[in-house]
Amino acid sequence: MYRINAISIVSDQELDVQFDTGETKRCDISRYFDKGIFRQLSNPNLFRQVRSITYGIEWPNEADLSSDTLYAIGVISQK
């Protein structure tokens, strides 16, 4: 499992996630906005409340994604 060193908000649906591998990947979370509790994340105010939990990320509404999922969906960020 990948460890998350840092996250930064890029837009109302994208995050840059820095992993312990030294890679930073851009993750488009909008692919989940039509699924269950993730629907609430289409609200920019809620989306921006994301926080890292070392091996994943979570929001106040209890939606979460694992670091492995983020690594798999992310593309190398060109910052």
N, C-alpha and C. Protein backbone atom coordinates (compact mmCIF):
# COMPACT_ATOMS: atom_id res chain seq x y z
N MET A 1 0.86 -1.18 0.00
CA MET A 1 0.00 0.00 0.00
C MET A 1 0.90 1.23 0.00
N TYR A 2 0.50 2.22 -0.81
CA TYR A 2 1.27 3.45 -0.91
C TYR A 2 0.93 4.40 0.23
N ARG A 3 1.93 5.09 0.71
CA ARG A 3 1.74 6.10 1.74
C ARG A 3 1.58 7.45 1.05
N ILE A 4 0.66 8.25 1.52
CA ILE A 4 0.45 9.60 0.97
C ILE A 4 1.24 10.59 1.83
N ASN A 5 2.11 11.34 1.16
CA ASN A 5 2.90 12.36 1.86
C ASN A 5 2.18 13.70 1.91
N ALA A 6 1.45 14.03 0.83
CA ALA A 6 0.76 15.32 0.78
C ALA A 6 -0.32 15.27 -0.29
N ILE A 7 -1.32 16.13 -0.12
CA ILE A 7 -2.34 16.32 -1.15
C ILE A 7 -2.53 17.82 -1.35
N SER A 8 -2.89 18.19 -2.56
CA SER A 8 -3.26 19.58 -2.82
C SER A 8 -4.44 19.59 -3.78
N ILE A 9 -5.30 20.56 -3.58
CA ILE A 9 -6.50 20.70 -4.39
C ILE A 9 -6.13 21.46 -5.66
N VAL A 10 -6.47 20.88 -6.79
CA VAL A 10 -6.18 21.49 -8.09
C VAL A 10 -7.41 22.21 -8.63
N SER A 11 -8.57 21.59 -8.46
CA SER A 11 -9.83 22.15 -8.93
C SER A 11 -10.95 21.58 -8.06
N ASP A 12 -12.19 21.81 -8.47
CA ASP A 12 -13.33 21.30 -7.71
C ASP A 12 -13.56 19.81 -7.93
N GLN A 13 -12.64 19.15 -8.63
CA GLN A 13 -12.77 17.71 -8.83
C GLN A 13 -11.44 17.00 -8.95
N GLU A 14 -10.33 17.73 -8.86
CA GLU A 14 -9.02 17.12 -9.01
C GLU A 14 -8.10 17.42 -7.84
N LEU A 15 -7.28 16.43 -7.53
CA LEU A 15 -6.28 16.56 -6.47
C LEU A 15 -4.93 16.14 -7.01
N ASP A 16 -3.87 16.77 -6.53
CA ASP A 16 -2.53 16.25 -6.73
C ASP A 16 -2.17 15.50 -5.47
N VAL A 17 -1.74 14.25 -5.64
CA VAL A 17 -1.41 13.40 -4.51
C VAL A 17 0.06 13.02 -4.62
N GLN A 18 0.82 13.35 -3.58
CA GLN A 18 2.24 13.00 -3.53
C GLN A 18 2.39 11.71 -2.71
N PHE A 19 3.01 10.71 -3.34
CA PHE A 19 3.17 9.40 -2.71
C PHE A 19 4.59 9.22 -2.18
N ASP A 20 4.75 8.24 -1.33
CA ASP A 20 6.07 7.96 -0.75
C ASP A 20 7.07 7.43 -1.78
N THR A 21 6.61 7.17 -2.99
CA THR A 21 7.50 6.75 -4.08
C THR A 21 8.23 7.95 -4.68
N GLY A 22 7.81 9.16 -4.29
CA GLY A 22 8.37 10.38 -4.85
C GLY A 22 7.54 10.91 -6.01
N GLU A 23 6.57 10.13 -6.44
CA GLU A 23 5.70 10.53 -7.55
C GLU A 23 4.55 11.40 -7.04
N THR A 24 4.15 12.34 -7.88
CA THR A 24 2.93 13.11 -7.65
C THR A 24 2.00 12.80 -8.81
N LYS A 25 0.79 12.39 -8.47
CA LYS A 25 -0.18 12.04 -9.50
C LYS A 25 -1.41 12.92 -9.37
N ARG A 26 -1.94 13.34 -10.52
CA ARG A 26 -3.19 14.09 -10.56
C ARG A 26 -4.35 13.10 -10.61
N CYS A 27 -5.27 13.24 -9.67
CA CYS A 27 -6.40 12.32 -9.55
C CYS A 27 -7.70 13.07 -9.78
N ASP A 28 -8.43 12.66 -10.80
CA ASP A 28 -9.74 13.23 -11.10
C ASP A 28 -10.78 12.41 -10.35
N ILE A 29 -11.34 13.00 -9.33
CA ILE A 29 -12.28 12.30 -8.45
C ILE A 29 -13.71 12.33 -9.02
N SER A 30 -13.96 13.15 -10.03
CA SER A 30 -15.31 13.30 -10.56
C SER A 30 -15.89 11.99 -11.09
N ARG A 31 -15.06 11.03 -11.42
CA ARG A 31 -15.56 9.73 -11.88
C ARG A 31 -16.42 9.04 -10.83
N TYR A 32 -16.31 9.46 -9.58
CA TYR A 32 -17.08 8.85 -8.48
C TYR A 32 -18.32 9.67 -8.11
N PHE A 33 -18.48 10.87 -8.69
CA PHE A 33 -19.54 11.78 -8.29
C PHE A 33 -20.95 11.24 -8.54
N ASP A 34 -21.09 10.16 -9.27
CA ASP A 34 -22.43 9.60 -9.51
C ASP A 34 -22.67 8.33 -8.68
N LYS A 35 -21.81 8.09 -7.69
CA LYS A 35 -21.90 6.87 -6.89
C LYS A 35 -22.13 7.18 -5.40
N GLY A 36 -23.24 6.72 -4.87
CA GLY A 36 -23.51 6.76 -3.43
C GLY A 36 -23.12 8.06 -2.74
N ILE A 37 -22.38 7.91 -1.65
CA ILE A 37 -21.99 9.05 -0.82
C ILE A 37 -21.10 10.03 -1.56
N PHE A 38 -20.44 9.57 -2.63
CA PHE A 38 -19.56 10.44 -3.40
C PHE A 38 -20.33 11.51 -4.17
N ARG A 39 -21.63 11.33 -4.35
CA ARG A 39 -22.45 12.35 -5.02
C ARG A 39 -22.31 13.70 -4.33
N GLN A 40 -22.20 13.66 -3.01
CA GLN A 40 -22.10 14.89 -2.23
C GLN A 40 -20.83 15.68 -2.55
N LEU A 41 -19.81 15.00 -3.07
CA LEU A 41 -18.53 15.66 -3.34
C LEU A 41 -18.59 16.57 -4.56
N SER A 42 -19.68 16.53 -5.32
CA SER A 42 -19.84 17.48 -6.42
C SER A 42 -20.06 18.90 -5.88
N ASN A 43 -20.33 19.01 -4.59
CA ASN A 43 -20.40 20.30 -3.91
C ASN A 43 -18.96 20.76 -3.65
N PRO A 44 -18.50 21.84 -4.31
CA PRO A 44 -17.11 22.27 -4.16
C PRO A 44 -16.70 22.55 -2.72
N ASN A 45 -17.63 23.07 -1.91
CA ASN A 45 -17.29 23.35 -0.52
C ASN A 45 -16.95 22.08 0.25
N LEU A 46 -17.67 21.02 0.00
CA LEU A 46 -17.37 19.75 0.65
C LEU A 46 -16.11 19.12 0.05
N PHE A 47 -15.99 19.14 -1.27
CA PHE A 47 -14.82 18.54 -1.91
C PHE A 47 -13.52 19.12 -1.36
N ARG A 48 -13.49 20.41 -1.12
CA ARG A 48 -12.28 21.09 -0.66
C ARG A 48 -11.94 20.80 0.81
N GLN A 49 -12.79 20.05 1.49
CA GLN A 49 -12.51 19.69 2.88
C GLN A 49 -11.78 18.35 3.00
N VAL A 50 -11.26 17.86 1.90
CA VAL A 50 -10.53 16.60 1.88
C VAL A 50 -9.31 16.67 2.81
N ARG A 51 -8.99 15.53 3.39
CA ARG A 51 -7.77 15.45 4.20
C ARG A 51 -7.12 14.09 4.01
N SER A 52 -5.83 14.07 4.20
CA SER A 52 -5.06 12.84 4.08
C SER A 52 -5.17 12.04 5.37
N ILE A 53 -5.28 10.73 5.22
CA ILE A 53 -5.27 9.82 6.38
C ILE A 53 -4.15 8.78 6.19
N THR A 54 -3.01 9.22 5.68
CA THR A 54 -1.79 8.44 5.45
C THR A 54 -1.92 7.42 4.33
N TYR A 55 -2.84 6.48 4.44
CA TYR A 55 -3.00 5.46 3.41
C TYR A 55 -4.30 5.67 2.63
N GLY A 56 -4.75 6.93 2.58
CA GLY A 56 -5.95 7.27 1.85
C GLY A 56 -6.31 8.72 2.09
N ILE A 57 -7.48 9.10 1.59
CA ILE A 57 -8.03 10.43 1.83
C ILE A 57 -9.48 10.27 2.26
N GLU A 58 -9.98 11.29 2.97
CA GLU A 58 -11.37 11.24 3.40
C GLU A 58 -11.96 12.63 3.47
N TRP A 59 -13.28 12.66 3.48
CA TRP A 59 -14.04 13.89 3.58
C TRP A 59 -14.91 13.81 4.82
N PRO A 60 -15.43 14.96 5.29
CA PRO A 60 -16.27 14.97 6.49
C PRO A 60 -17.54 14.11 6.38
N ASN A 61 -18.01 13.83 5.16
CA ASN A 61 -19.22 13.02 5.00
C ASN A 61 -18.90 11.52 5.03
N GLU A 62 -17.66 11.16 5.37
CA GLU A 62 -17.18 9.78 5.51
C GLU A 62 -16.87 9.09 4.19
N ALA A 63 -16.93 9.81 3.07
CA ALA A 63 -16.44 9.25 1.80
C ALA A 63 -14.92 9.15 1.91
N ASP A 64 -14.37 8.08 1.37
CA ASP A 64 -12.93 7.93 1.40
C ASP A 64 -12.44 7.11 0.22
N LEU A 65 -11.16 7.28 -0.10
CA LEU A 65 -10.51 6.52 -1.16
C LEU A 65 -9.15 6.08 -0.65
N SER A 66 -8.78 4.86 -0.96
CA SER A 66 -7.49 4.35 -0.52
C SER A 66 -6.36 4.91 -1.36
N SER A 67 -5.17 4.88 -0.82
CA SER A 67 -4.00 5.34 -1.56
C SER A 67 -3.76 4.47 -2.80
N ASP A 68 -4.05 3.18 -2.72
CA ASP A 68 -3.90 2.30 -3.88
C ASP A 68 -4.84 2.70 -5.01
N THR A 69 -6.07 3.06 -4.67
CA THR A 69 -7.03 3.51 -5.68
C THR A 69 -6.54 4.80 -6.32
N LEU A 70 -6.10 5.74 -5.50
CA LEU A 70 -5.60 7.01 -6.02
C LEU A 70 -4.39 6.81 -6.93
N TYR A 71 -3.51 5.92 -6.53
CA TYR A 71 -2.32 5.64 -7.34
C TYR A 71 -2.74 5.06 -8.70
N ALA A 72 -3.73 4.19 -8.68
CA ALA A 72 -4.18 3.53 -9.91
C ALA A 72 -4.89 4.50 -10.86
N ILE A 73 -5.69 5.42 -10.33
CA ILE A 73 -6.44 6.32 -11.22
C ILE A 73 -5.66 7.57 -11.58
N GLY A 74 -4.60 7.84 -10.86
CA GLY A 74 -3.84 9.08 -11.07
C GLY A 74 -2.95 9.01 -12.30
N VAL A 75 -2.67 10.18 -12.84
CA VAL A 75 -1.70 10.32 -13.92
C VAL A 75 -0.58 11.22 -13.41
N ILE A 76 0.62 10.96 -13.88
CA ILE A 76 1.76 11.73 -13.41
C ILE A 76 1.49 13.22 -13.65
N SER A 77 1.63 13.99 -12.58
CA SER A 77 1.36 15.42 -12.63
C SER A 77 2.56 16.15 -13.21
N GLN A 78 2.28 17.11 -14.07
CA GLN A 78 3.35 17.92 -14.67
C GLN A 78 3.57 19.22 -13.90
N LYS A 79 2.82 19.43 -12.84
CA LYS A 79 2.89 20.64 -12.00
C LYS A 79 3.36 21.79 -12.80
